Amino acid sequence: MDKFIIPARILLVDDDEDDISLFSDALSQLSTPLTCTVARNGRDGIIKALMPPPYVLIFMDLNMPIMNGYECMKQIKENAHLNHIPIIVLSTSANVYELEKSKLLGASAYFTKPNDFNSWVNILNDVLILGKYVKKDL
């Protein structure tokens, strides 16, 4: 698979403080020139995704208040200004139904949130450095 060009700006849509902290700490372990913005629910995620400069990748939780990840993905994929942005789902659930529903709504990949730091680093390395799960030409 072609190497993904490291994004300049990514968006994390998640309401869990511990997961946000682990994600941020794992991200800091990668030597990547990028900025990560956090949105705490789907509605805030859409608002932030529409703000320039554009994001090139969105990491999305599913269970959030105000607007969940499914509703957020649906609106992103229906929006001509946002529908090109790859979405990587990070969920506490390993339920196959949720994985399939996420893929149907346009998610590029689905990961069950890990409990350990090294697994977070590995996921971010696979997506951001190795370019797995995201097409280079997006």
Protein backbone atom coordinates (compact mmCIF):
# COMPACT_ATOMS: atom_id res chain seq x y z
CA MET A 1 0.00 0.00 0.00
CA ASP A 2 1.19 3.51 -0.80
CA LYS A 3 2.36 5.61 2.10
CA PHE A 4 -0.22 8.14 3.28
CA ILE A 5 0.95 11.72 3.26
CA ILE A 6 1.09 12.79 6.90
CA PRO A 7 -1.82 15.12 7.55
CA ALA A 8 -1.26 18.65 8.69
CA ARG A 9 -4.52 18.80 10.67
CA ILE A 10 -6.66 16.03 12.20
CA LEU A 11 -9.87 16.10 14.23
CA LEU A 12 -10.66 13.85 17.19
CA VAL A 13 -14.38 13.65 18.03
CA ASP A 14 -14.68 12.05 21.47
CA ASP A 15 -16.20 12.95 24.84
CA ASP A 16 -14.14 10.70 27.10
CA GLU A 17 -11.38 12.63 28.87
CA ASP A 18 -9.25 9.53 29.50
CA ASP A 19 -9.41 8.49 25.84
CA ILE A 20 -8.63 12.03 24.68
CA SER A 21 -5.63 12.08 26.98
CA LEU A 22 -4.37 8.67 25.83
CA PHE A 23 -4.88 9.64 22.17
CA SER A 24 -3.00 12.92 22.66
CA ASP A 25 -0.16 11.28 24.55
CA ALA A 26 0.16 8.54 21.92
CA LEU A 27 0.08 11.15 19.16
CA SER A 28 2.97 12.98 20.82
CA GLN A 29 5.07 9.80 20.50
CA LEU A 30 4.93 10.04 16.72
CA SER A 31 7.27 12.51 15.13
CA THR A 32 4.63 13.97 12.85
CA PRO A 33 4.09 17.59 11.92
CA LEU A 34 0.38 17.77 12.61
CA THR A 35 -2.18 19.50 14.75
CA CYS A 36 -5.05 17.71 16.49
CA THR A 37 -8.26 19.50 17.41
CA VAL A 38 -10.75 17.88 19.81
CA ALA A 39 -14.54 18.06 19.55
CA ARG A 40 -16.52 16.62 22.47
CA ASN A 41 -19.63 15.56 20.53
CA GLY A 42 -20.80 15.06 16.97
CA ARG A 43 -22.43 18.46 16.60
CA ASP A 44 -19.23 20.19 17.74
CA GLY A 45 -17.30 17.87 15.42
CA ILE A 46 -19.25 19.03 12.38
CA ILE A 47 -18.87 22.69 13.35
CA LYS A 48 -15.11 22.29 13.79
CA ALA A 49 -14.74 20.19 10.62
CA LEU A 50 -16.24 23.04 8.60
CA MET A 51 -13.73 25.59 9.95
CA PRO A 52 -10.69 26.30 7.77
CA PRO A 53 -8.05 25.22 7.18
CA PRO A 54 -9.46 21.83 6.21
CA TYR A 55 -8.90 18.65 8.17
CA VAL A 56 -7.52 15.68 6.30
CA LEU A 57 -8.53 12.95 8.76
CA ILE A 58 -11.19 12.50 11.45
CA PHE A 59 -11.03 10.05 14.36
CA MET A 60 -14.58 9.41 15.63
CA ASP A 61 -16.04 7.88 18.77
CA LEU A 62 -19.58 6.47 18.48
CA ASN A 63 -21.17 7.01 21.89
CA MET A 64 -21.32 10.72 22.69
CA PRO A 65 -23.90 13.17 24.01
CA ILE A 66 -25.83 15.68 21.88
CA MET A 67 -24.96 13.94 18.58
CA ASN A 68 -23.50 10.44 18.41
CA GLY A 69 -20.83 9.26 16.00
CA TYR A 70 -23.28 7.61 13.59
CA GLU A 71 -25.28 10.83 13.16
CA CYS A 72 -22.08 12.82 12.80
CA MET A 73 -20.66 10.46 10.15
CA LYS A 74 -23.92 10.56 8.23
CA GLN A 75 -23.92 14.37 8.14
CA ILE A 76 -20.24 14.54 7.23
CA LYS A 77 -20.68 12.12 4.33
CA GLU A 78 -23.74 14.07 3.11
CA ASN A 79 -21.84 17.38 3.15
CA ALA A 80 -20.04 18.21 -0.12
CA HIS A 81 -17.38 20.19 1.78
CA LEU A 82 -16.59 17.34 4.18
CA ASN A 83 -17.43 14.01 2.51
CA HIS A 84 -13.90 13.51 1.17
CA ILE A 85 -12.38 13.40 4.68
CA PRO A 86 -11.58 9.83 5.80
CA ILE A 87 -13.14 8.82 9.13
CA ILE A 88 -11.47 6.34 11.47
CA VAL A 89 -13.85 5.04 14.14
CA LEU A 90 -12.47 4.48 17.64
CA SER A 91 -15.08 2.78 19.82
CA THR A 92 -15.22 0.88 23.09
CA SER A 93 -17.46 -1.67 21.37
CA ALA A 94 -16.19 -4.69 19.45
CA ASN A 95 -19.73 -5.42 18.22
CA VAL A 96 -19.77 -6.53 14.56
CA TYR A 97 -23.07 -4.69 13.99
CA GLU A 98 -21.47 -1.39 14.98
CA LEU A 99 -18.47 -2.07 12.74
CA GLU A 100 -20.73 -2.83 9.76
CA LYS A 101 -22.95 0.19 10.41
CA SER A 102 -19.86 2.42 10.60
CA LYS A 103 -18.55 1.08 7.29
CA LEU A 104 -21.97 1.61 5.67
CA LEU A 105 -21.90 5.22 6.84
CA GLY A 106 -18.51 5.72 5.20
CA ALA A 107 -15.88 4.95 7.85
CA SER A 108 -12.51 4.00 6.39
CA ALA A 109 -11.61 1.84 9.40
CA TYR A 110 -12.93 0.74 12.80
CA PHE A 111 -10.82 0.11 15.89
CA THR A 112 -11.84 -0.99 19.34
CA LYS A 113 -10.28 1.48 21.76
CA PRO A 114 -7.29 -0.14 23.40
CA ASN A 115 -6.67 -0.10 27.13
CA ASP A 116 -2.92 0.28 26.93
CA PHE A 117 -0.75 3.11 25.71
CA ASN A 118 1.39 1.09 23.29
CA SER A 119 -1.69 -0.09 21.41
CA TRP A 120 -2.81 3.53 20.98
CA VAL A 121 0.62 4.38 19.58
CA ASN A 122 0.45 1.38 17.22
CA ILE A 123 -2.97 2.39 15.87
CA LEU A 124 -1.88 5.98 15.26
CA ASN A 125 1.37 4.79 13.69
CA ASP A 126 -0.52 2.46 11.34
CA VAL A 127 -2.95 5.17 10.27
CA LEU A 128 -0.77 8.30 10.24
CA ILE A 129 2.73 7.02 9.44
CA LEU A 130 2.22 3.80 7.51
CA GLY A 131 -0.95 4.99 5.80
CA LYS A 132 -2.92 1.82 6.47
CA TYR A 133 -6.71 2.09 6.16
CA VAL A 134 -6.62 5.45 4.36
CA LYS A 135 -6.13 5.91 0.63
CA LYS A 136 -3.28 8.19 -0.36
CA ASP A 137 -5.25 9.93 -3.10
CA LEU A 138 -8.08 11.17 -0.87
